[in-house]
C-alpha atoms as a PDB file:
ATOM      1  CA  MET A   1      78.554  96.584  90.084  1.00  0.00           C
ATOM      2  CA  ILE A   2      79.547  94.070  87.369  1.00  0.00           C
ATOM      3  CA  GLU A   3      83.228  94.818  88.091  1.00  0.00           C
ATOM      4  CA  ASN A   4      82.677  94.186  91.811  1.00  0.00           C
ATOM      5  CA  ARG A   5      81.057  90.826  91.145  1.00  0.00           C
ATOM      6  CA  SER A   6      83.931  89.880  88.843  1.00  0.00           C
ATOM      7  CA  ILE A   7      86.458  90.790  91.530  1.00  0.00           C
ATOM      8  CA  LEU A   8      84.535  88.734  94.107  1.00  0.00           C
ATOM      9  CA  ARG A   9      84.504  85.678  91.835  1.00  0.00           C
ATOM     10  CA  ARG A  10      88.232  86.012  91.177  1.00  0.00           C
ATOM     11  CA  GLU A  11      88.972  86.240  94.899  1.00  0.00           C
ATOM     12  CA  GLN A  12      86.831  83.196  95.675  1.00  0.00           C
ATOM     13  CA  ALA A  13      88.738  81.310  92.968  1.00  0.00           C
ATOM     14  CA  THR A  14      92.003  82.443  94.563  1.00  0.00           C
ATOM     15  CA  LEU A  15      90.850  81.049  97.923  1.00  0.00           C
ATOM     16  CA  MET A  16      90.053  77.682  96.424  1.00  0.00           C
ATOM     17  CA  ALA A  17      93.433  77.573  94.682  1.00  0.00           C
ATOM     18  CA  ALA A  18      95.225  78.488  97.898  1.00  0.00           C
ATOM     19  CA  LEU A  19      93.610  75.693  99.863  1.00  0.00           C
ATOM     20  CA  ARG A  20      94.377  73.095  97.221  1.00  0.00           C
ATOM     21  CA  ASN A  21      97.903  74.356  96.494  1.00  0.00           C
ATOM     22  CA  PRO A  22      99.777  75.363  99.708  1.00  0.00           C
ATOM     23  CA  SER A  23     102.909  76.338  97.762  1.00  0.00           C
ATOM     24  CA  GLY A  24     101.267  79.264  96.008  1.00  0.00           C
ATOM     25  CA  ILE A  25      98.066  80.909  94.853  1.00  0.00           C
ATOM     26  CA  SER A  26      96.943  79.891  91.402  1.00  0.00           C
ATOM     27  CA  GLY A  27      95.648  82.511  89.039  1.00  0.00           C
ATOM     28  CA  SER A  28      93.494  80.317  86.792  1.00  0.00           C
ATOM     29  CA  TYR A  29      90.716  77.788  87.238  1.00  0.00           C
ATOM     30  CA  ASP A  30      92.400  75.601  84.630  1.00  0.00           C
ATOM     31  CA  GLU A  31      95.427  75.109  86.903  1.00  0.00           C
ATOM     32  CA  LEU A  32      93.410  73.564  89.725  1.00  0.00           C
ATOM     33  CA  PRO A  33      93.275  69.824  90.307  1.00  0.00           C
ATOM     34  CA  GLY A  34      89.897  68.089  90.157  1.00  0.00           C
ATOM     35  CA  ASP A  35      86.839  69.946  88.959  1.00  0.00           C
ATOM     36  CA  GLY A  36      88.062  73.191  90.524  1.00  0.00           C
ATOM     37  CA  GLU A  37      84.573  74.280  91.581  1.00  0.00           C
ATOM     38  CA  THR A  38      83.891  72.439  94.856  1.00  0.00           C
ATOM     39  CA  LEU A  39      84.605  75.280  97.257  1.00  0.00           C
ATOM     40  CA  LEU A  40      82.934  77.914  95.082  1.00  0.00           C
ATOM     41  CA  ARG A  41      79.724  75.879  94.989  1.00  0.00           C
ATOM     42  CA  SER A  42      79.988  75.137  98.709  1.00  0.00           C
ATOM     43  CA  GLY A  43      79.144  78.683  99.772  1.00  0.00           C
ATOM     44  CA  LEU A  44      82.436  79.514 101.506  1.00  0.00           C
ATOM     45  CA  SER A  45      82.309  83.312 101.522  1.00  0.00           C
ATOM     46  CA  LEU A  46      84.189  86.464 102.420  1.00  0.00           C
ATOM     47  CA  ARG A  47      82.349  86.508 105.764  1.00  0.00           C
ATOM     48  CA  HIS A  48      83.963  83.150 106.502  1.00  0.00           C
ATOM     49  CA  MET A  49      87.336  84.638 105.568  1.00  0.00           C
ATOM     50  CA  ARG A  50      86.777  87.563 107.933  1.00  0.00           C
ATOM     51  CA  MET A  51      85.799  85.142 110.693  1.00  0.00           C
ATOM     52  CA  ILE A  52      88.919  82.944 110.418  1.00  0.00           C
ATOM     53  CA  ALA A  53      91.143  86.046 110.310  1.00  0.00           C
ATOM     54  CA  ALA A  54      89.383  87.458 113.403  1.00  0.00           C
ATOM     55  CA  LEU A  55      89.844  84.150 115.246  1.00  0.00           C
ATOM     56  CA  ASP A  56      93.544  84.229 114.401  1.00  0.00           C
ATOM     57  CA  ASP A  57      93.838  87.829 115.609  1.00  0.00           C
ATOM     58  CA  HIS A  58      91.931  87.512 118.882  1.00  0.00           C
ATOM     59  CA  GLY A  59      92.024  83.848 119.927  1.00  0.00           C
ATOM     60  CA  ARG A  60      88.437  83.953 121.242  1.00  0.00           C
ATOM     61  CA  VAL A  61      85.123  83.201 119.563  1.00  0.00           C
ATOM     62  CA  SER A  62      83.431  85.982 121.555  1.00  0.00           C
ATOM     63  CA  ALA A  63      85.989  88.576 120.421  1.00  0.00           C
ATOM     64  CA  ALA A  64      85.749  87.415 116.797  1.00  0.00           C
ATOM     65  CA  ALA A  65      81.946  87.654 117.012  1.00  0.00           C
ATOM     66  CA  GLN A  66      82.244  91.207 118.315  1.00  0.00           C
ATOM     67  CA  VAL A  67      84.541  92.167 115.425  1.00  0.00           C
ATOM     68  CA  MET A  68      82.033  90.647 112.994  1.00  0.00           C
ATOM     69  CA  ASN A  69      79.116  92.334 114.811  1.00  0.00           C
ATOM     70  CA  ILE A  70      77.266  89.035 115.270  1.00  0.00           C
ATOM     71  CA  SER A  71      76.297  86.912 118.256  1.00  0.00           C
ATOM     72  CA  GLN A  72      78.606  84.253 119.657  1.00  0.00           C
ATOM     73  CA  PRO A  73      76.241  81.396 118.655  1.00  0.00           C
ATOM     74  CA  ALA A  74      76.217  82.779 115.098  1.00  0.00           C
ATOM     75  CA  ALA A  75      80.034  82.854 115.129  1.00  0.00           C
ATOM     76  CA  SER A  76      80.127  79.239 116.307  1.00  0.00           C
ATOM     77  CA  ARG A  77      77.788  78.286 113.452  1.00  0.00           C
ATOM     78  CA  MET A  78      80.089  79.985 110.947  1.00  0.00           C
ATOM     79  CA  ILE A  79      83.052  77.985 112.277  1.00  0.00           C
ATOM     80  CA  ALA A  80      81.043  74.787 111.979  1.00  0.00           C
ATOM     81  CA  GLU A  81      80.086  75.703 108.407  1.00  0.00           C
ATOM     82  CA  MET A  82      83.723  76.198 107.420  1.00  0.00           C
ATOM     83  CA  GLU A  83      84.760  72.915 109.054  1.00  0.00           C
ATOM     84  CA  ALA A  84      81.944  71.073 107.266  1.00  0.00           C
ATOM     85  CA  VAL A  85      82.914  72.531 103.882  1.00  0.00           C
ATOM     86  CA  LEU A  86      86.628  71.776 104.295  1.00  0.00           C
ATOM     87  CA  ASP A  87      86.123  68.526 106.199  1.00  0.00           C
ATOM     88  CA  VAL A  88      88.876  69.472 108.679  1.00  0.00           C
ATOM     89  CA  LYS A  89      89.002  70.881 112.212  1.00  0.00           C
ATOM     90  CA  LEU A  90      89.981  74.551 112.112  1.00  0.00           C
ATOM     91  CA  CYS A  91      90.314  75.325 115.825  1.00  0.00           C
ATOM     92  CA  GLU A  92      90.777  73.695 119.209  1.00  0.00           C
ATOM     93  CA  ARG A  93      88.948  75.010 122.245  1.00  0.00           C
ATOM     94  CA  LEU A  94      91.085  75.865 125.277  1.00  0.00           C
ATOM     95  CA  PRO A  95      90.064  76.742 128.853  1.00  0.00           C
ATOM     96  CA  ARG A  96      90.576  80.402 127.860  1.00  0.00           C
ATOM     97  CA  GLY A  97      89.770  80.886 124.214  1.00  0.00           C
ATOM     98  CA  ILE A  98      90.767  78.871 121.139  1.00  0.00           C
ATOM     99  CA  THR A  99      93.853  78.098 119.083  1.00  0.00           C
ATOM    100  CA  LEU A 100      93.860  77.475 115.347  1.00  0.00           C
ATOM    101  CA  THR A 101      94.929  74.077 114.051  1.00  0.00           C
ATOM    102  CA  PRO A 102      97.462  73.917 111.186  1.00  0.00           C
ATOM    103  CA  TYR A 103      94.454  73.819 108.817  1.00  0.00           C
ATOM    104  CA  GLY A 104      93.007  76.909 110.481  1.00  0.00           C
ATOM    105  CA  LYS A 105      96.317  78.763 110.286  1.00  0.00           C
ATOM    106  CA  ALA A 106      96.655  77.925 106.580  1.00  0.00           C
ATOM    107  CA  LEU A 107      93.143  79.185 105.889  1.00  0.00           C
ATOM    108  CA  ALA A 108      93.716  82.347 107.981  1.00  0.00           C
ATOM    109  CA  ARG A 109      96.922  83.135 106.106  1.00  0.00           C
ATOM    110  CA  ARG A 110      95.217  82.809 102.724  1.00  0.00           C
ATOM    111  CA  ALA A 111      92.144  84.656 103.988  1.00  0.00           C
ATOM    112  CA  ARG A 112      94.272  87.680 104.837  1.00  0.00           C
ATOM    113  CA  SER A 113      95.551  87.852 101.262  1.00  0.00           C
ATOM    114  CA  ILE A 114      92.013  87.641  99.900  1.00  0.00           C
ATOM    115  CA  LEU A 115      90.704  90.282 102.312  1.00  0.00           C
ATOM    116  CA  LEU A 116      93.617  92.549 101.451  1.00  0.00           C
ATOM    117  CA  GLU A 117      92.831  92.261  97.738  1.00  0.00           C
ATOM    118  CA  MET A 118      89.175  93.028  98.402  1.00  0.00           C
ATOM    119  CA  ARG A 119      90.168  96.024 100.537  1.00  0.00           C
ATOM    120  CA  GLU A 120      92.403  97.219  97.707  1.00  0.00           C
ATOM    121  CA  ALA A 121      89.620  96.732  95.157  1.00  0.00           C
ATOM    122  CA  ASP A 122      87.204  98.679  97.337  1.00  0.00           C
ATOM    123  CA  ARG A 123      89.797 101.376  97.957  1.00  0.00           C
ATOM    124  CA  GLU A 124      90.649 101.809  94.291  1.00  0.00           C
ATOM    125  CA  ILE A 125      87.001 101.919  93.226  1.00  0.00           C
ATOM    126  CA  SER A 126      86.172 104.447  95.956  1.00  0.00           C
ATOM    127  CA  GLU A 127      89.149 106.581  95.011  1.00  0.00           C
ATOM    128  CA  LEU A 128      88.179 106.530  91.349  1.00  0.00           C
ATOM    129  CA  LYS A 129      84.624 107.534  92.240  1.00  0.00           C
ATOM    130  CA  ALA A 130      85.818 110.344  94.536  1.00  0.00           C
ATOM    131  CA  GLY A 131      88.583 111.535  92.223  1.00  0.00           C
ATOM    132  CA  LYS A 132      91.254 110.986  94.905  1.00  0.00           C
ATOM    133  CA  GLY A 133      94.836 110.062  94.162  1.00  0.00           C
ATOM    134  CA  GLY A 134      94.992 106.830  96.140  1.00  0.00           C
ATOM    135  CA  SER A 135      96.309 105.803  99.545  1.00  0.00           C
ATOM    136  CA  VAL A 136      99.428 104.115 100.884  1.00  0.00           C
ATOM    137  CA  PHE A 137     100.186 102.318 104.153  1.00  0.00           C
ATOM    138  CA  LEU A 138     103.879 101.973 104.980  1.00  0.00           C
ATOM    139  CA  GLY A 139     106.108 101.388 107.977  1.00  0.00           C
ATOM    140  CA  ALA A 140     109.719 102.304 108.670  1.00  0.00           C
ATOM    141  CA  VAL A 141     112.325 102.095 111.381  1.00  0.00           C
ATOM    142  CA  THR A 142     113.412 105.502 112.636  1.00  0.00           C
ATOM    143  CA  ALA A 143     116.541 106.273 110.591  1.00  0.00           C
ATOM    144  CA  PRO A 144     115.129 105.637 107.091  1.00  0.00           C
ATOM    145  CA  ALA A 145     111.807 107.144 108.173  1.00  0.00           C
ATOM    146  CA  ILE A 146     113.623 110.461 108.639  1.00  0.00           C
ATOM    147  CA  GLU A 147     116.183 110.114 105.848  1.00  0.00           C
ATOM    148  CA  LEU A 148     114.125 108.448 103.107  1.00  0.00           C
ATOM    149  CA  ALA A 149     110.407 108.126 103.824  1.00  0.00           C
ATOM    150  CA  VAL A 150     109.651 111.689 104.932  1.00  0.00           C
ATOM    151  CA  PRO A 151     111.441 113.373 101.964  1.00  0.00           C
ATOM    152  CA  ALA A 152     109.814 110.913  99.553  1.00  0.00           C
ATOM    153  CA  ILE A 153     106.361 111.528 101.039  1.00  0.00           C
ATOM    154  CA  ARG A 154     106.900 115.280 100.849  1.00  0.00           C
ATOM    155  CA  GLU A 155     107.853 115.092  97.158  1.00  0.00           C
ATOM    156  CA  ILE A 156     105.051 112.669  96.210  1.00  0.00           C
ATOM    157  CA  ARG A 157     102.500 114.869  98.007  1.00  0.00           C
ATOM    158  CA  ARG A 158     103.834 117.903  96.126  1.00  0.00           C
ATOM    159  CA  ILE A 159     103.263 116.187  92.783  1.00  0.00           C
ATOM    160  CA  TYR A 160     100.080 114.304  93.783  1.00  0.00           C
ATOM    161  CA  PRO A 161      98.507 116.311  96.620  1.00  0.00           C
ATOM    162  CA  ARG A 162      95.461 114.069  96.961  1.00  0.00           C
ATOM    163  CA  ILE A 163      97.368 110.899  97.855  1.00  0.00           C
ATOM    164  CA  GLU A 164      96.639 109.818 101.434  1.00  0.00           C
ATOM    165  CA  ILE A 165      99.657 108.296 103.203  1.00  0.00           C
ATOM    166  CA  THR A 166      99.692 106.520 106.577  1.00  0.00           C
ATOM    167  CA  MET A 167     103.107 105.736 108.105  1.00  0.00           C
ATOM    168  CA  GLN A 168     103.984 103.756 111.235  1.00  0.00           C
ATOM    169  CA  VAL A 169     107.430 104.159 112.801  1.00  0.00           C
ATOM    170  CA  GLU A 170     108.301 101.070 114.839  1.00  0.00           C
ATOM    171  CA  THR A 171     110.845  98.299 115.290  1.00  0.00           C
ATOM    172  CA  SER A 172     111.488  95.789 112.508  1.00  0.00           C
ATOM    173  CA  ASN A 173     109.913  92.996 114.581  1.00  0.00           C
ATOM    174  CA  VAL A 174     106.617  94.875 114.757  1.00  0.00           C
ATOM    175  CA  LEU A 175     106.666  96.177 111.192  1.00  0.00           C
ATOM    176  CA  ALA A 176     107.408  92.805 109.566  1.00  0.00           C
ATOM    177  CA  ARG A 177     104.456  91.213 111.346  1.00  0.00           C
ATOM    178  CA  GLU A 178     102.196  94.125 110.397  1.00  0.00           C
ATOM    179  CA  LEU A 179     103.302  93.654 106.786  1.00  0.00           C
ATOM    180  CA  ILE A 180     102.478  89.935 106.868  1.00  0.00           C
ATOM    181  CA  ALA A 181      99.088  90.765 108.398  1.00  0.00           C
ATOM    182  CA  SER A 182      98.369  93.016 105.373  1.00  0.00           C
ATOM    183  CA  ARG A 183      98.340  96.232 107.406  1.00  0.00           C
ATOM    184  CA  HIS A 184     101.164  97.769 105.346  1.00  0.00           C
ATOM    185  CA  ASP A 185     101.851  97.939 101.624  1.00  0.00           C
ATOM    186  CA  PHE A 186     105.613  97.884 102.204  1.00  0.00           C
ATOM    187  CA  ILE A 187     108.127  98.648 104.941  1.00  0.00           C
ATOM    188  CA  ILE A 188     111.661 100.021 105.260  1.00  0.00           C
ATOM    189  CA  ALA A 189     113.183  97.800 107.910  1.00  0.00           C
ATOM    190  CA  ARG A 190     115.028  94.535 108.459  1.00  0.00           C
ATOM    191  CA  ILE A 191     113.635  91.008 108.199  1.00  0.00           C
ATOM    192  CA  PRO A 192     113.601  89.608 111.766  1.00  0.00           C
ATOM    193  CA  ASP A 193     115.692  86.499 112.363  1.00  0.00           C
ATOM    194  CA  ASP A 194     112.654  84.506 113.548  1.00  0.00           C
ATOM    195  CA  LEU A 195     110.664  85.015 110.313  1.00  0.00           C
ATOM    196  CA  ASN A 196     111.101  83.052 107.099  1.00  0.00           C
ATOM    197  CA  PRO A 197     112.889  85.374 104.613  1.00  0.00           C
ATOM    198  CA  ARG A 198     111.179  83.518 101.753  1.00  0.00           C
ATOM    199  CA  LEU A 199     107.944  85.273 102.703  1.00  0.00           C
ATOM    200  CA  PHE A 200     109.389  88.577 101.540  1.00  0.00           C
ATOM    201  CA  GLU A 201     110.984  90.362  98.640  1.00  0.00           C
ATOM    202  CA  SER A 202     113.625  92.792  99.896  1.00  0.00           C
ATOM    203  CA  ARG A 203     116.334  95.064  98.586  1.00  0.00           C
ATOM    204  CA  VAL A 204     119.055  96.576 100.763  1.00  0.00           C
ATOM    205  CA  ILE A 205     118.871 100.355 100.398  1.00  0.00           C
ATOM    206  CA  GLY A 206     120.958 101.769 103.239  1.00  0.00           C
ATOM    207  CA  VAL A 207     123.266 101.282 106.206  1.00  0.00           C
ATOM    208  CA  GLU A 208     122.362 102.862 109.510  1.00  0.00           C
ATOM    209  CA  LYS A 209     125.057 104.527 111.593  1.00  0.00           C
ATOM    210  CA  ALA A 210     124.413 105.520 115.171  1.00  0.00           C
ATOM    211  CA  CYS A 211     125.825 107.776 117.871  1.00  0.00           C
ATOM    212  CA  LEU A 212     125.328 108.435 121.573  1.00  0.00           C
ATOM    213  CA  ILE A 213     123.248 111.351 122.805  1.00  0.00           C
ATOM    214  CA  VAL A 214     123.193 113.052 126.219  1.00  0.00           C
ATOM    215  CA  ARG A 215     121.676 116.216 127.672  1.00  0.00           C
ATOM    216  CA  ARG A 216     123.331 119.573 127.051  1.00  0.00           C
ATOM    217  CA  GLY A 217     125.976 120.082 129.770  1.00  0.00           C
ATOM    218  CA  HIS A 218     126.455 116.361 130.450  1.00  0.00           C
ATOM    219  CA  PRO A 219     129.938 115.394 131.788  1.00  0.00           C
ATOM    220  CA  LEU A 220     130.535 113.367 128.592  1.00  0.00           C
ATOM    221  CA  SER A 221     129.816 116.308 126.256  1.00  0.00           C
ATOM    222  CA  MET A 222     132.823 118.436 127.157  1.00  0.00           C
ATOM    223  CA  GLY A 223     134.563 118.161 123.792  1.00  0.00           C
ATOM    224  CA  LYS A 224     137.127 115.357 124.046  1.00  0.00           C
ATOM    225  CA  ALA A 225     136.524 111.933 122.510  1.00  0.00           C
ATOM    226  CA  VAL A 226     134.910 109.554 124.984  1.00  0.00           C
ATOM    227  CA  ARG A 227     136.075 105.969 125.454  1.00  0.00           C
ATOM    228  CA  LEU A 228     133.418 103.277 125.767  1.00  0.00           C
ATOM    229  CA  GLU A 229     134.548 102.372 129.289  1.00  0.00           C
ATOM    230  CA  ASP A 230     133.865 105.993 130.334  1.00  0.00           C
ATOM    231  CA  THR A 231     130.142 105.407 129.781  1.00  0.00           C
ATOM    232  CA  ALA A 232     129.776 102.458 132.160  1.00  0.00           C
ATOM    233  CA  ALA A 233     128.923 104.561 135.219  1.00  0.00           C
ATOM    234  CA  TYR A 234     125.814 106.124 133.654  1.00  0.00           C
ATOM    235  CA  ASP A 235     122.225 105.011 133.094  1.00  0.00           C
ATOM    236  CA  TRP A 236     121.410 103.853 129.559  1.00  0.00           C
ATOM    237  CA  VAL A 237     118.198 104.031 127.529  1.00  0.00           C
ATOM    238  CA  PHE A 238     118.011 101.129 125.067  1.00  0.00           C
ATOM    239  CA  GLN A 239     115.516  99.708 122.630  1.00  0.00           C
ATOM    240  CA  SER A 240     114.225  96.296 123.658  1.00  0.00           C
ATOM    241  CA  GLY A 241     116.560  93.295 123.510  1.00  0.00           C
ATOM    242  CA  GLY A 242     117.100  91.967 120.008  1.00  0.00           C
ATOM    243  CA  SER A 243     116.803  95.288 118.198  1.00  0.00           C
ATOM    244  CA  PRO A 244     119.642  95.840 115.680  1.00  0.00           C
ATOM    245  CA  LEU A 245     120.728  99.104 117.325  1.00  0.00           C
ATOM    246  CA  ARG A 246     120.965  97.487 120.729  1.00  0.00           C
ATOM    247  CA  GLN A 247     122.824  94.497 119.298  1.00  0.00           C
ATOM    248  CA  ALA A 248     125.318  96.832 117.612  1.00  0.00           C
ATOM    249  CA  MET A 249     125.889  98.742 120.849  1.00  0.00           C
ATOM    250  CA  GLU A 250     126.270  95.605 122.948  1.00  0.00           C
ATOM    251  CA  SER A 251     128.727  94.188 120.395  1.00  0.00           C
ATOM    252  CA  ASN A 252     130.918  97.240 120.977  1.00  0.00           C
ATOM    253  CA  PHE A 253     131.056  96.418 124.689  1.00  0.00           C
ATOM    254  CA  LEU A 254     131.665  92.690 124.189  1.00  0.00           C
ATOM    255  CA  ASN A 255     134.331  93.164 121.490  1.00  0.00           C
ATOM    256  CA  ARG A 256     136.295  95.386 123.863  1.00  0.00           C
ATOM    257  CA  ASN A 257     135.830  93.049 126.861  1.00  0.00           C
ATOM    258  CA  ILE A 258     133.878  95.741 128.713  1.00  0.00           C
ATOM    259  CA  ALA A 259     131.010  94.724 130.987  1.00  0.00           C
ATOM    260  CA  LEU A 260     127.559  95.497 129.590  1.00  0.00           C
ATOM    261  CA  PRO A 261     125.673  98.342 131.309  1.00  0.00           C
ATOM    262  CA  ASP A 262     123.448  97.124 134.142  1.00  0.00           C
ATOM    263  CA  ARG A 263     121.430 100.311 134.713  1.00  0.00           C
ATOM    264  CA  ILE A 264     119.058 100.199 131.767  1.00  0.00           C
ATOM    265  CA  LEU A 265     115.645 101.532 130.779  1.00  0.00           C
ATOM    266  CA  ASN A 266     114.150  99.557 127.878  1.00  0.00           C
ATOM    267  CA  THR A 267     111.739 101.386 125.564  1.00  0.00           C
ATOM    268  CA  SER A 268     110.859 101.474 121.874  1.00  0.00           C
ATOM    269  CA  SER A 269     109.560 105.036 122.249  1.00  0.00           C
ATOM    270  CA  LEU A 270     111.838 107.697 120.774  1.00  0.00           C
ATOM    271  CA  LEU A 271     109.889 110.385 122.654  1.00  0.00           C
ATOM    272  CA  LEU A 272     110.483 108.692 126.021  1.00  0.00           C
ATOM    273  CA  THR A 273     114.147 108.207 125.113  1.00  0.00           C
ATOM    274  CA  LEU A 274     114.580 111.926 124.439  1.00  0.00           C
ATOM    275  CA  VAL A 275     112.755 112.919 127.626  1.00  0.00           C
ATOM    276  CA  MET A 276     114.905 110.600 129.750  1.00  0.00           C
ATOM    277  CA  VAL A 277     118.114 111.899 128.155  1.00  0.00           C
ATOM    278  CA  ALA A 278     117.107 115.568 128.405  1.00  0.00           C
ATOM    279  CA  GLN A 279     116.115 115.309 132.086  1.00  0.00           C
ATOM    280  CA  SER A 280     118.857 113.062 133.499  1.00  0.00           C
ATOM    281  CA  ASP A 281     122.466 111.936 132.984  1.00  0.00           C
ATOM    282  CA  ALA A 282     121.298 108.930 130.930  1.00  0.00           C
ATOM    283  CA  ILE A 283     122.975 107.970 127.643  1.00  0.00           C
ATOM    284  CA  ALA A 284     121.096 106.645 124.615  1.00  0.00           C
ATOM    285  CA  PRO A 285     122.247 105.280 121.244  1.00  0.00           C
ATOM    286  CA  VAL A 286     120.213 106.685 118.331  1.00  0.00           C
ATOM    287  CA  SER A 287     120.684 106.836 114.589  1.00  0.00           C
ATOM    288  CA  ILE A 288     122.783 109.703 113.292  1.00  0.00           C
ATOM    289  CA  GLN A 289     119.778 110.880 111.269  1.00  0.00           C
ATOM    290  CA  VAL A 290     117.738 111.231 114.483  1.00  0.00           C
ATOM    291  CA  ALA A 291     120.604 113.036 116.237  1.00  0.00           C
ATOM    292  CA  LYS A 292     120.981 115.502 113.360  1.00  0.00           C
ATOM    293  CA  PHE A 293     117.281 116.263 113.388  1.00  0.00           C
ATOM    294  CA  ILE A 294     116.968 116.831 117.129  1.00  0.00           C
ATOM    295  CA  GLN A 295     120.018 119.112 117.056  1.00  0.00           C
ATOM    296  CA  SER A 296     118.629 121.199 114.197  1.00  0.00           C
ATOM    297  CA  PRO A 297     116.620 124.413 114.688  1.00  0.00           C
ATOM    298  CA  GLU A 298     113.504 122.466 113.641  1.00  0.00           C
ATOM    299  CA  GLY A 299     114.171 119.826 116.312  1.00  0.00           C
ATOM    300  CA  LEU A 300     115.327 120.164 119.931  1.00  0.00           C
ATOM    301  CA  ALA A 301     118.306 122.478 119.415  1.00  0.00           C
ATOM    302  CA  GLY A 302     119.875 123.333 122.753  1.00  0.00           C
ATOM    303  CA  ALA A 303     118.529 120.361 124.732  1.00  0.00           C
ATOM    304  CA  ILE A 304     120.551 117.395 123.394  1.00  0.00           C
ATOM    305  CA  ASP A 305     124.251 116.886 122.614  1.00  0.00           C
ATOM    306  CA  VAL A 306     125.976 114.207 120.539  1.00  0.00           C
ATOM    307  CA  VAL A 307     128.866 112.533 122.345  1.00  0.00           C
ATOM    308  CA  GLN A 308     132.186 112.528 120.452  1.00  0.00           C
ATOM    309  CA  THR A 309     133.418 108.920 120.727  1.00  0.00           C
ATOM    310  CA  GLU A 310     136.563 106.978 119.887  1.00  0.00           C
ATOM    311  CA  PHE A 311     134.437 104.177 118.428  1.00  0.00           C
ATOM    312  CA  ASP A 312     131.822 103.788 115.659  1.00  0.00           C
ATOM    313  CA  ILE A 313     128.386 102.237 115.967  1.00  0.00           C
ATOM    314  CA  GLU A 314     127.248 100.525 112.764  1.00  0.00           C
ATOM    315  CA  VAL A 315     123.886  98.827 112.562  1.00  0.00           C
ATOM    316  CA  ARG A 316     122.724  96.105 110.159  1.00  0.00           C
ATOM    317  CA  PRO A 317     121.621  97.443 106.725  1.00  0.00           C
ATOM    318  CA  TYR A 318     117.919  98.102 106.231  1.00  0.00           C
ATOM    319  CA  SER A 319     115.869  97.086 103.201  1.00  0.00           C
ATOM    320  CA  LEU A 320     112.789  98.021 101.226  1.00  0.00           C
ATOM    321  CA  ILE A 321     110.518  95.035 101.907  1.00  0.00           C
ATOM    322  CA  THR A 322     107.273  93.741 100.399  1.00  0.00           C
ATOM    323  CA  VAL A 323     105.428  90.443 100.766  1.00  0.00           C
ATOM    324  CA  LYS A 324     106.307  88.020  97.982  1.00  0.00           C
ATOM    325  CA  ASN A 325     103.667  87.768  95.235  1.00  0.00           C
ATOM    326  CA  ARG A 326     101.538  90.562  96.731  1.00  0.00           C
ATOM    327  CA  ALA A 327     100.842  93.305  94.188  1.00  0.00           C
ATOM    328  CA  LEU A 328     101.113  96.934  95.285  1.00  0.00           C
ATOM    329  CA  SER A 329      98.319  99.403  94.609  1.00  0.00           C
ATOM    330  CA  PRO A 330      99.192 102.085  92.025  1.00  0.00           C
ATOM    331  CA  ALA A 331      99.745 104.723  94.727  1.00  0.00           C
ATOM    332  CA  ALA A 332     101.873 102.389  96.879  1.00  0.00           C
ATOM    333  CA  LYS A 333     103.961 101.338  93.875  1.00  0.00           C
ATOM    334  CA  MET A 334     104.561 104.975  92.988  1.00  0.00           C
ATOM    335  CA  LEU A 335     105.951 105.771  96.465  1.00  0.00           C
ATOM    336  CA  HIS A 336     107.876 102.467  96.616  1.00  0.00           C
ATOM    337  CA  ASP A 337     109.530 103.107  93.234  1.00  0.00           C
ATOM    338  CA  PHE A 338     110.260 106.743  94.090  1.00  0.00           C
ATOM    339  CA  ILE A 339     112.225 105.640  97.167  1.00  0.00           C
ATOM    340  CA  LEU A 340     114.145 103.098  95.073  1.00  0.00           C
ATOM    341  CA  ARG A 341     115.099 105.796  92.568  1.00  0.00           C
ATOM    342  CA  GLU A 342     116.227 108.151  95.328  1.00  0.00           C
ATOM    343  CA  VAL A 343     118.668 105.584  96.775  1.00  0.00           C
ATOM    344  CA  GLY A 344     120.000 104.784  93.321  1.00  0.00           C
END
């Protein structure tokens, strides 16, 4: 109980430092300007932090109140309390919901870090009490999920069978935002072009190569190398616009002055991609790691063929990514470091 109170005081101090010092979170009361105690004495609490994060997530006071399991008038009072303490307006009311002001967004961003640390403290204490090995939340794009994450998870679970691991396989755009929102410990992906790279610490750990897949018996799977222009007459299954794999494939068309395909199904679902390919004459670009798996006896052997092509498809390198200045839990650091060792 004493440890919990100490953690709570440290996190409240972190909040105060964050609000006074936008460039970083201070770790010591002595580093704060002024008396350094104003916000702590004001009564700004973790419930306030949960409220501002919920407002940022949902954009409605009613939805935030539901998440907090309180009434809407009580939620409005909490917002007013925060605005009175900080002496700034945190949100603007719109005809349909609310939007956070720059002050509100700054507080929400720092609140997420504080709530994450409290979640980690609670998780570690619970795991120590239960004798469990810890838990990890990670995300990965498809190729390194198969090639790196799954083997690493298998080996870590062999050595530490009580570690609980949750993995999300998605696009880099989704994963990076989940990481920022504190829903992942780390990700294996690419930093999206529209996010500030200074938010992250990343290390390139692999290059993804891709190939084209079709159904078994497809006209393009008859053995000879296929030219890119030979594919133009068929339907294509692509990831959404802006994904690195799609960009790499479209670059192949543009660099050869070949018109881009105009019969396209867009989906981020690998399962839907495989179903469409297996049940039609559609073509889909996938990572070589995915193609190898679905051709193996453990995958979909007999249903999918890899097209032999005269051209290569190389995708942007992927990285092991964490949020800058966010400490990993012991279990997450163990899996993170294991992956780093495996890639050399």
